[in-house]
């Protein structure tokens, strides 16, 4: 059973999420609080697999809470859900350690899939980068080498050059060279755009693997 904790200022949202998760086979809301100041204690007490934070507390405050979770050695994966969120905020959240960014209008089945994905330490960022004017394919793109693909994937996870170098067992300078080649081949302007591009491609593949949703799907979850 995947255990979930929620930090959201609206009690009605707590009850709504509890009911939704009760309808799943493997998800359970174990506790919910209305104030960020109580979130860390809740996570420490219950040791949940996933903690959901509402972006309405303010992104800076939410990311401070994410950092505090990490500093205390708590293993819970973080999902931030929001009525709206900018692509810059999404990227910063991922860099800070969030594993999922989710719209509050998400379909129930997508909510379940998000929580399962994040609990498995995978990123979930579906449908959050559609407003940025950045095509999935570029006319002058050339194929990336396997190593360049690895570097691009780690950038999409919010990793810095030093972290990428350590992960791949290469020098930091070599990472910079790979990035230069990636930018030249794809026409992407910087690592921020590269990260968004990689996340969008990952989301496209994820949606393709799951296929189109059947008719008669459940109504969207609208909780704020």
C-alpha atoms as a PDB file:
ATOM      1  CA  UNK A   1       0.000   0.000   0.000  1.00  0.00           C
ATOM      2  CA  UNK A   2       1.371   3.418  -0.988  1.00  0.00           C
ATOM      3  CA  UNK A   3       0.911   5.857   1.900  1.00  0.00           C
ATOM      4  CA  UNK A   4       0.164   9.506   1.133  1.00  0.00           C
ATOM      5  CA  UNK A   5       0.146  12.639   3.290  1.00  0.00           C
ATOM      6  CA  UNK A   6      -1.384  15.944   2.206  1.00  0.00           C
ATOM      7  CA  UNK A   7      -0.654  19.556   3.104  1.00  0.00           C
ATOM      8  CA  UNK A   8      -3.485  21.711   1.756  1.00  0.00           C
ATOM      9  CA  UNK A   9      -5.264  24.676   3.385  1.00  0.00           C
ATOM     10  CA  UNK A  10      -8.770  23.428   2.510  1.00  0.00           C
ATOM     11  CA  UNK A  11     -10.290  20.672   4.713  1.00  0.00           C
ATOM     12  CA  UNK A  12     -12.768  19.784   1.963  1.00  0.00           C
ATOM     13  CA  UNK A  13      -9.809  18.867  -0.244  1.00  0.00           C
ATOM     14  CA  UNK A  14      -8.541  16.520   2.451  1.00  0.00           C
ATOM     15  CA  UNK A  15     -11.822  14.628   2.466  1.00  0.00           C
ATOM     16  CA  UNK A  16     -12.076  14.627  -1.325  1.00  0.00           C
ATOM     17  CA  UNK A  17      -8.619  13.131  -1.717  1.00  0.00           C
ATOM     18  CA  UNK A  18      -9.305  10.585   1.009  1.00  0.00           C
ATOM     19  CA  UNK A  19     -12.394   9.349  -0.837  1.00  0.00           C
ATOM     20  CA  UNK A  20     -10.560   9.212  -4.163  1.00  0.00           C
ATOM     21  CA  UNK A  21      -7.688   7.185  -2.751  1.00  0.00           C
ATOM     22  CA  UNK A  22     -10.095   4.812  -1.012  1.00  0.00           C
ATOM     23  CA  UNK A  23     -11.389   3.974  -4.496  1.00  0.00           C
ATOM     24  CA  UNK A  24      -7.935   2.742  -5.517  1.00  0.00           C
ATOM     25  CA  UNK A  25      -6.441  -0.636  -4.692  1.00  0.00           C
ATOM     26  CA  UNK A  26      -3.035   0.492  -3.479  1.00  0.00           C
ATOM     27  CA  UNK A  27      -3.203   4.118  -2.267  1.00  0.00           C
ATOM     28  CA  UNK A  28      -4.135   5.469   1.147  1.00  0.00           C
ATOM     29  CA  UNK A  29      -4.292   8.965   2.655  1.00  0.00           C
ATOM     30  CA  UNK A  30      -2.835   8.475   6.130  1.00  0.00           C
ATOM     31  CA  UNK A  31      -2.953  12.102   7.322  1.00  0.00           C
ATOM     32  CA  UNK A  32      -3.576  15.672   6.184  1.00  0.00           C
ATOM     33  CA  UNK A  33      -2.736  19.091   7.625  1.00  0.00           C
ATOM     34  CA  UNK A  34      -3.755  22.637   6.730  1.00  0.00           C
ATOM     35  CA  UNK A  35      -0.488  24.447   7.515  1.00  0.00           C
ATOM     36  CA  UNK A  36       3.029  24.074   6.136  1.00  0.00           C
ATOM     37  CA  UNK A  37       4.393  24.363   9.667  1.00  0.00           C
ATOM     38  CA  UNK A  38       2.762  21.027  10.494  1.00  0.00           C
ATOM     39  CA  UNK A  39       3.848  19.213   7.339  1.00  0.00           C
ATOM     40  CA  UNK A  40       7.327  18.158   8.450  1.00  0.00           C
ATOM     41  CA  UNK A  41       6.056  16.738  11.735  1.00  0.00           C
ATOM     42  CA  UNK A  42       3.343  14.854   9.866  1.00  0.00           C
ATOM     43  CA  UNK A  43       5.909  13.350   7.506  1.00  0.00           C
ATOM     44  CA  UNK A  44       8.212  12.432  10.391  1.00  0.00           C
ATOM     45  CA  UNK A  45       5.383  10.773  12.321  1.00  0.00           C
ATOM     46  CA  UNK A  46       3.948   8.723   9.450  1.00  0.00           C
ATOM     47  CA  UNK A  47       6.981   8.206   7.166  1.00  0.00           C
ATOM     48  CA  UNK A  48       4.709   8.263   4.078  1.00  0.00           C
ATOM     49  CA  UNK A  49       5.773   7.249   0.596  1.00  0.00           C
ATOM     50  CA  UNK A  50       4.473  10.531  -0.865  1.00  0.00           C
ATOM     51  CA  UNK A  51       3.716  13.998   0.498  1.00  0.00           C
ATOM     52  CA  UNK A  52       1.512  16.340  -1.554  1.00  0.00           C
ATOM     53  CA  UNK A  53       1.989  20.091  -1.093  1.00  0.00           C
ATOM     54  CA  UNK A  54      -0.425  22.718  -2.407  1.00  0.00           C
ATOM     55  CA  UNK A  55       1.345  25.406  -4.402  1.00  0.00           C
ATOM     56  CA  UNK A  56      -1.048  28.023  -2.964  1.00  0.00           C
ATOM     57  CA  UNK A  57       1.179  28.284   0.125  1.00  0.00           C
ATOM     58  CA  UNK A  58       3.665  30.051  -2.163  1.00  0.00           C
ATOM     59  CA  UNK A  59       6.352  28.290  -4.158  1.00  0.00           C
ATOM     60  CA  UNK A  60       9.199  29.690  -2.060  1.00  0.00           C
ATOM     61  CA  UNK A  61       7.629  28.398   1.160  1.00  0.00           C
ATOM     62  CA  UNK A  62       6.795  25.024  -0.366  1.00  0.00           C
ATOM     63  CA  UNK A  63      10.350  24.553  -1.634  1.00  0.00           C
ATOM     64  CA  UNK A  64      11.690  25.457   1.797  1.00  0.00           C
ATOM     65  CA  UNK A  65       9.549  22.634   3.191  1.00  0.00           C
ATOM     66  CA  UNK A  66      10.876  20.269   0.527  1.00  0.00           C
ATOM     67  CA  UNK A  67      14.425  21.211   1.519  1.00  0.00           C
ATOM     68  CA  UNK A  68      13.600  20.630   5.182  1.00  0.00           C
ATOM     69  CA  UNK A  69      12.253  17.163   4.392  1.00  0.00           C
ATOM     70  CA  UNK A  70      15.537  16.344   2.685  1.00  0.00           C
ATOM     71  CA  UNK A  71      17.674  17.833   5.454  1.00  0.00           C
ATOM     72  CA  UNK A  72      15.911  15.670   8.049  1.00  0.00           C
ATOM     73  CA  UNK A  73      16.544  12.550   6.011  1.00  0.00           C
ATOM     74  CA  UNK A  74      12.861  11.853   5.361  1.00  0.00           C
ATOM     75  CA  UNK A  75      12.415   9.570   2.376  1.00  0.00           C
ATOM     76  CA  UNK A  76       8.956  10.755   1.288  1.00  0.00           C
ATOM     77  CA  UNK A  77       8.694  11.744  -2.366  1.00  0.00           C
ATOM     78  CA  UNK A  78       7.155  15.168  -2.951  1.00  0.00           C
ATOM     79  CA  UNK A  79       4.314  16.079  -5.305  1.00  0.00           C
ATOM     80  CA  UNK A  80       3.322  19.718  -5.763  1.00  0.00           C
ATOM     81  CA  UNK A  81      -0.164  20.295  -7.079  1.00  0.00           C
ATOM     82  CA  UNK A  82      -1.488  23.582  -8.303  1.00  0.00           C
ATOM     83  CA  UNK A  83      -4.325  25.309 -10.082  1.00  0.00           C
ATOM     84  CA  UNK A  84      -1.618  26.975 -12.188  1.00  0.00           C
ATOM     85  CA  UNK A  85       2.165  26.974 -12.168  1.00  0.00           C
ATOM     86  CA  UNK A  86       4.810  28.500 -14.438  1.00  0.00           C
ATOM     87  CA  UNK A  87       7.386  26.421 -16.275  1.00  0.00           C
ATOM     88  CA  UNK A  88      10.131  28.225 -14.343  1.00  0.00           C
ATOM     89  CA  UNK A  89       8.518  27.168 -11.061  1.00  0.00           C
ATOM     90  CA  UNK A  90       8.206  23.602 -12.328  1.00  0.00           C
ATOM     91  CA  UNK A  91      11.889  23.426 -13.139  1.00  0.00           C
ATOM     92  CA  UNK A  92      12.896  24.970  -9.820  1.00  0.00           C
ATOM     93  CA  UNK A  93      10.687  22.509  -7.967  1.00  0.00           C
ATOM     94  CA  UNK A  94      12.325  19.567  -9.713  1.00  0.00           C
ATOM     95  CA  UNK A  95      15.771  20.992  -8.961  1.00  0.00           C
ATOM     96  CA  UNK A  96      14.752  21.310  -5.299  1.00  0.00           C
ATOM     97  CA  UNK A  97      13.813  17.642  -5.146  1.00  0.00           C
ATOM     98  CA  UNK A  98      10.108  17.441  -6.021  1.00  0.00           C
ATOM     99  CA  UNK A  99       9.327  14.301  -8.017  1.00  0.00           C
ATOM    100  CA  UNK A 100       5.890  15.286  -9.273  1.00  0.00           C
ATOM    101  CA  UNK A 101       4.082  18.424 -10.459  1.00  0.00           C
ATOM    102  CA  UNK A 102       0.349  17.926 -10.880  1.00  0.00           C
ATOM    103  CA  UNK A 103      -2.567  20.101 -11.906  1.00  0.00           C
ATOM    104  CA  UNK A 104      -5.512  20.205  -9.501  1.00  0.00           C
ATOM    105  CA  UNK A 105      -7.824  19.504 -12.441  1.00  0.00           C
ATOM    106  CA  UNK A 106      -6.178  16.131 -13.046  1.00  0.00           C
ATOM    107  CA  UNK A 107      -8.334  13.097 -13.856  1.00  0.00           C
ATOM    108  CA  UNK A 108      -8.620  10.617 -10.958  1.00  0.00           C
ATOM    109  CA  UNK A 109      -6.847   7.880 -12.928  1.00  0.00           C
ATOM    110  CA  UNK A 110      -4.009  10.279 -13.718  1.00  0.00           C
ATOM    111  CA  UNK A 111      -3.818  11.206 -10.026  1.00  0.00           C
ATOM    112  CA  UNK A 112      -3.385   7.535  -9.132  1.00  0.00           C
ATOM    113  CA  UNK A 113      -0.769   7.081 -11.835  1.00  0.00           C
ATOM    114  CA  UNK A 114       1.113  10.169 -10.657  1.00  0.00           C
ATOM    115  CA  UNK A 115       1.299   8.943  -7.065  1.00  0.00           C
ATOM    116  CA  UNK A 116       2.393   5.462  -8.118  1.00  0.00           C
ATOM    117  CA  UNK A 117       5.017   6.875 -10.456  1.00  0.00           C
ATOM    118  CA  UNK A 118       6.433   9.245  -7.862  1.00  0.00           C
ATOM    119  CA  UNK A 119       6.420   6.556  -5.158  1.00  0.00           C
ATOM    120  CA  UNK A 120       8.635   4.567  -7.526  1.00  0.00           C
ATOM    121  CA  UNK A 121      11.067   7.522  -7.595  1.00  0.00           C
ATOM    122  CA  UNK A 122      10.178   8.501 -11.153  1.00  0.00           C
ATOM    123  CA  UNK A 123       9.316  12.000 -12.343  1.00  0.00           C
ATOM    124  CA  UNK A 124       5.726  13.005 -13.131  1.00  0.00           C
ATOM    125  CA  UNK A 125       5.170  16.306 -14.910  1.00  0.00           C
ATOM    126  CA  UNK A 126       2.371  15.581 -17.372  1.00  0.00           C
ATOM    127  CA  UNK A 127       0.792  18.407 -19.381  1.00  0.00           C
ATOM    128  CA  UNK A 128       2.667  21.213 -17.626  1.00  0.00           C
ATOM    129  CA  UNK A 129       4.776  22.601 -20.438  1.00  0.00           C
ATOM    130  CA  UNK A 130       2.193  23.138 -23.144  1.00  0.00           C
ATOM    131  CA  UNK A 131       2.189  26.935 -22.867  1.00  0.00           C
ATOM    132  CA  UNK A 132       5.879  27.401 -23.667  1.00  0.00           C
ATOM    133  CA  UNK A 133       6.572  28.063 -27.353  1.00  0.00           C
ATOM    134  CA  UNK A 134       8.965  25.158 -27.770  1.00  0.00           C
ATOM    135  CA  UNK A 135       8.278  22.530 -30.453  1.00  0.00           C
ATOM    136  CA  UNK A 136       8.907  18.884 -29.693  1.00  0.00           C
ATOM    137  CA  UNK A 137      10.835  18.489 -32.944  1.00  0.00           C
ATOM    138  CA  UNK A 138      13.228  21.039 -34.437  1.00  0.00           C
ATOM    139  CA  UNK A 139      13.968  21.251 -38.161  1.00  0.00           C
ATOM    140  CA  UNK A 140      17.746  21.268 -37.696  1.00  0.00           C
ATOM    141  CA  UNK A 141      17.933  18.622 -34.981  1.00  0.00           C
ATOM    142  CA  UNK A 142      20.512  15.871 -35.450  1.00  0.00           C
ATOM    143  CA  UNK A 143      20.561  12.580 -33.551  1.00  0.00           C
ATOM    144  CA  UNK A 144      22.259  12.628 -30.167  1.00  0.00           C
ATOM    145  CA  UNK A 145      24.827  10.031 -29.180  1.00  0.00           C
ATOM    146  CA  UNK A 146      23.908   7.628 -26.359  1.00  0.00           C
ATOM    147  CA  UNK A 147      26.104   9.605 -23.944  1.00  0.00           C
ATOM    148  CA  UNK A 148      24.496  12.899 -24.997  1.00  0.00           C
ATOM    149  CA  UNK A 149      21.081  11.350 -24.421  1.00  0.00           C
ATOM    150  CA  UNK A 150      22.176  10.333 -20.912  1.00  0.00           C
ATOM    151  CA  UNK A 151      23.376  13.868 -20.166  1.00  0.00           C
ATOM    152  CA  UNK A 152      20.145  15.387 -21.500  1.00  0.00           C
ATOM    153  CA  UNK A 153      18.053  13.003 -19.370  1.00  0.00           C
ATOM    154  CA  UNK A 154      19.963  13.963 -16.217  1.00  0.00           C
ATOM    155  CA  UNK A 155      19.554  17.668 -16.999  1.00  0.00           C
ATOM    156  CA  UNK A 156      15.807  17.001 -17.236  1.00  0.00           C
ATOM    157  CA  UNK A 157      15.966  15.654 -13.673  1.00  0.00           C
ATOM    158  CA  UNK A 158      17.374  18.997 -12.504  1.00  0.00           C
ATOM    159  CA  UNK A 159      20.906  17.737 -11.917  1.00  0.00           C
ATOM    160  CA  UNK A 160      23.844  20.152 -12.017  1.00  0.00           C
ATOM    161  CA  UNK A 161      26.984  19.540 -14.093  1.00  0.00           C
ATOM    162  CA  UNK A 162      28.948  18.252 -11.090  1.00  0.00           C
ATOM    163  CA  UNK A 163      26.164  15.816 -10.176  1.00  0.00           C
ATOM    164  CA  UNK A 164      25.909  14.612 -13.780  1.00  0.00           C
ATOM    165  CA  UNK A 165      29.669  14.078 -13.877  1.00  0.00           C
ATOM    166  CA  UNK A 166      29.577  12.021 -10.681  1.00  0.00           C
ATOM    167  CA  UNK A 167      26.609   9.987 -11.895  1.00  0.00           C
ATOM    168  CA  UNK A 168      28.248   9.124 -15.225  1.00  0.00           C
ATOM    169  CA  UNK A 169      31.815   8.830 -13.945  1.00  0.00           C
ATOM    170  CA  UNK A 170      33.160  11.570 -16.205  1.00  0.00           C
ATOM    171  CA  UNK A 171      34.784  14.967 -15.712  1.00  0.00           C
ATOM    172  CA  UNK A 172      32.701  18.112 -15.266  1.00  0.00           C
ATOM    173  CA  UNK A 173      34.436  19.582 -18.306  1.00  0.00           C
ATOM    174  CA  UNK A 174      33.287  16.608 -20.371  1.00  0.00           C
ATOM    175  CA  UNK A 175      29.695  17.272 -19.309  1.00  0.00           C
ATOM    176  CA  UNK A 176      30.044  20.852 -20.567  1.00  0.00           C
ATOM    177  CA  UNK A 177      31.341  19.586 -23.909  1.00  0.00           C
ATOM    178  CA  UNK A 178      28.408  17.180 -24.236  1.00  0.00           C
ATOM    179  CA  UNK A 179      25.990  20.030 -23.471  1.00  0.00           C
ATOM    180  CA  UNK A 180      27.627  22.208 -26.116  1.00  0.00           C
ATOM    181  CA  UNK A 181      27.174  19.426 -28.684  1.00  0.00           C
ATOM    182  CA  UNK A 182      23.546  18.911 -27.600  1.00  0.00           C
ATOM    183  CA  UNK A 183      22.778  22.615 -28.036  1.00  0.00           C
ATOM    184  CA  UNK A 184      24.461  22.652 -31.455  1.00  0.00           C
ATOM    185  CA  UNK A 185      22.601  19.567 -32.675  1.00  0.00           C
ATOM    186  CA  UNK A 186      19.144  20.477 -31.403  1.00  0.00           C
ATOM    187  CA  UNK A 187      19.075  24.260 -31.613  1.00  0.00           C
ATOM    188  CA  UNK A 188      18.031  24.395 -27.954  1.00  0.00           C
ATOM    189  CA  UNK A 189      19.284  27.598 -26.354  1.00  0.00           C
ATOM    190  CA  UNK A 190      20.117  26.660 -22.758  1.00  0.00           C
ATOM    191  CA  UNK A 191      19.885  23.913 -20.130  1.00  0.00           C
ATOM    192  CA  UNK A 192      16.558  25.252 -18.839  1.00  0.00           C
ATOM    193  CA  UNK A 193      14.966  24.802 -22.256  1.00  0.00           C
ATOM    194  CA  UNK A 194      16.738  21.447 -22.599  1.00  0.00           C
ATOM    195  CA  UNK A 195      15.215  20.272 -19.321  1.00  0.00           C
ATOM    196  CA  UNK A 196      11.714  21.344 -20.357  1.00  0.00           C
ATOM    197  CA  UNK A 197      12.184  19.748 -23.767  1.00  0.00           C
ATOM    198  CA  UNK A 198      13.292  16.476 -22.173  1.00  0.00           C
ATOM    199  CA  UNK A 199      10.406  16.440 -19.736  1.00  0.00           C
ATOM    200  CA  UNK A 200       7.889  17.091 -22.486  1.00  0.00           C
ATOM    201  CA  UNK A 201       9.321  14.276 -24.593  1.00  0.00           C
ATOM    202  CA  UNK A 202       9.187  11.944 -21.601  1.00  0.00           C
ATOM    203  CA  UNK A 203       5.556  12.882 -20.994  1.00  0.00           C
ATOM    204  CA  UNK A 204       4.680  12.317 -24.658  1.00  0.00           C
ATOM    205  CA  UNK A 205       6.196   8.825 -24.502  1.00  0.00           C
ATOM    206  CA  UNK A 206       4.358   8.110 -21.246  1.00  0.00           C
ATOM    207  CA  UNK A 207       1.005   9.122 -22.718  1.00  0.00           C
ATOM    208  CA  UNK A 208       1.682   7.081 -25.860  1.00  0.00           C
ATOM    209  CA  UNK A 209       2.529   3.990 -23.817  1.00  0.00           C
ATOM    210  CA  UNK A 210      -0.729   4.292 -21.873  1.00  0.00           C
ATOM    211  CA  UNK A 211      -2.794   4.976 -24.991  1.00  0.00           C
ATOM    212  CA  UNK A 212      -5.830   7.194 -25.345  1.00  0.00           C
ATOM    213  CA  UNK A 213      -8.222   7.316 -22.423  1.00  0.00           C
ATOM    214  CA  UNK A 214     -11.424   5.325 -22.991  1.00  0.00           C
ATOM    215  CA  UNK A 215     -14.781   7.006 -23.365  1.00  0.00           C
ATOM    216  CA  UNK A 216     -16.753   7.466 -20.216  1.00  0.00           C
ATOM    217  CA  UNK A 217     -13.783   8.394 -18.065  1.00  0.00           C
ATOM    218  CA  UNK A 218     -14.373   9.708 -14.585  1.00  0.00           C
ATOM    219  CA  UNK A 219     -14.884  13.460 -14.222  1.00  0.00           C
ATOM    220  CA  UNK A 220     -11.805  15.581 -13.620  1.00  0.00           C
ATOM    221  CA  UNK A 221     -10.721  16.212 -10.062  1.00  0.00           C
ATOM    222  CA  UNK A 222     -11.262  19.936  -9.487  1.00  0.00           C
ATOM    223  CA  UNK A 223     -10.309  20.844  -5.947  1.00  0.00           C
ATOM    224  CA  UNK A 224      -9.388  24.466  -6.023  1.00  0.00           C
END
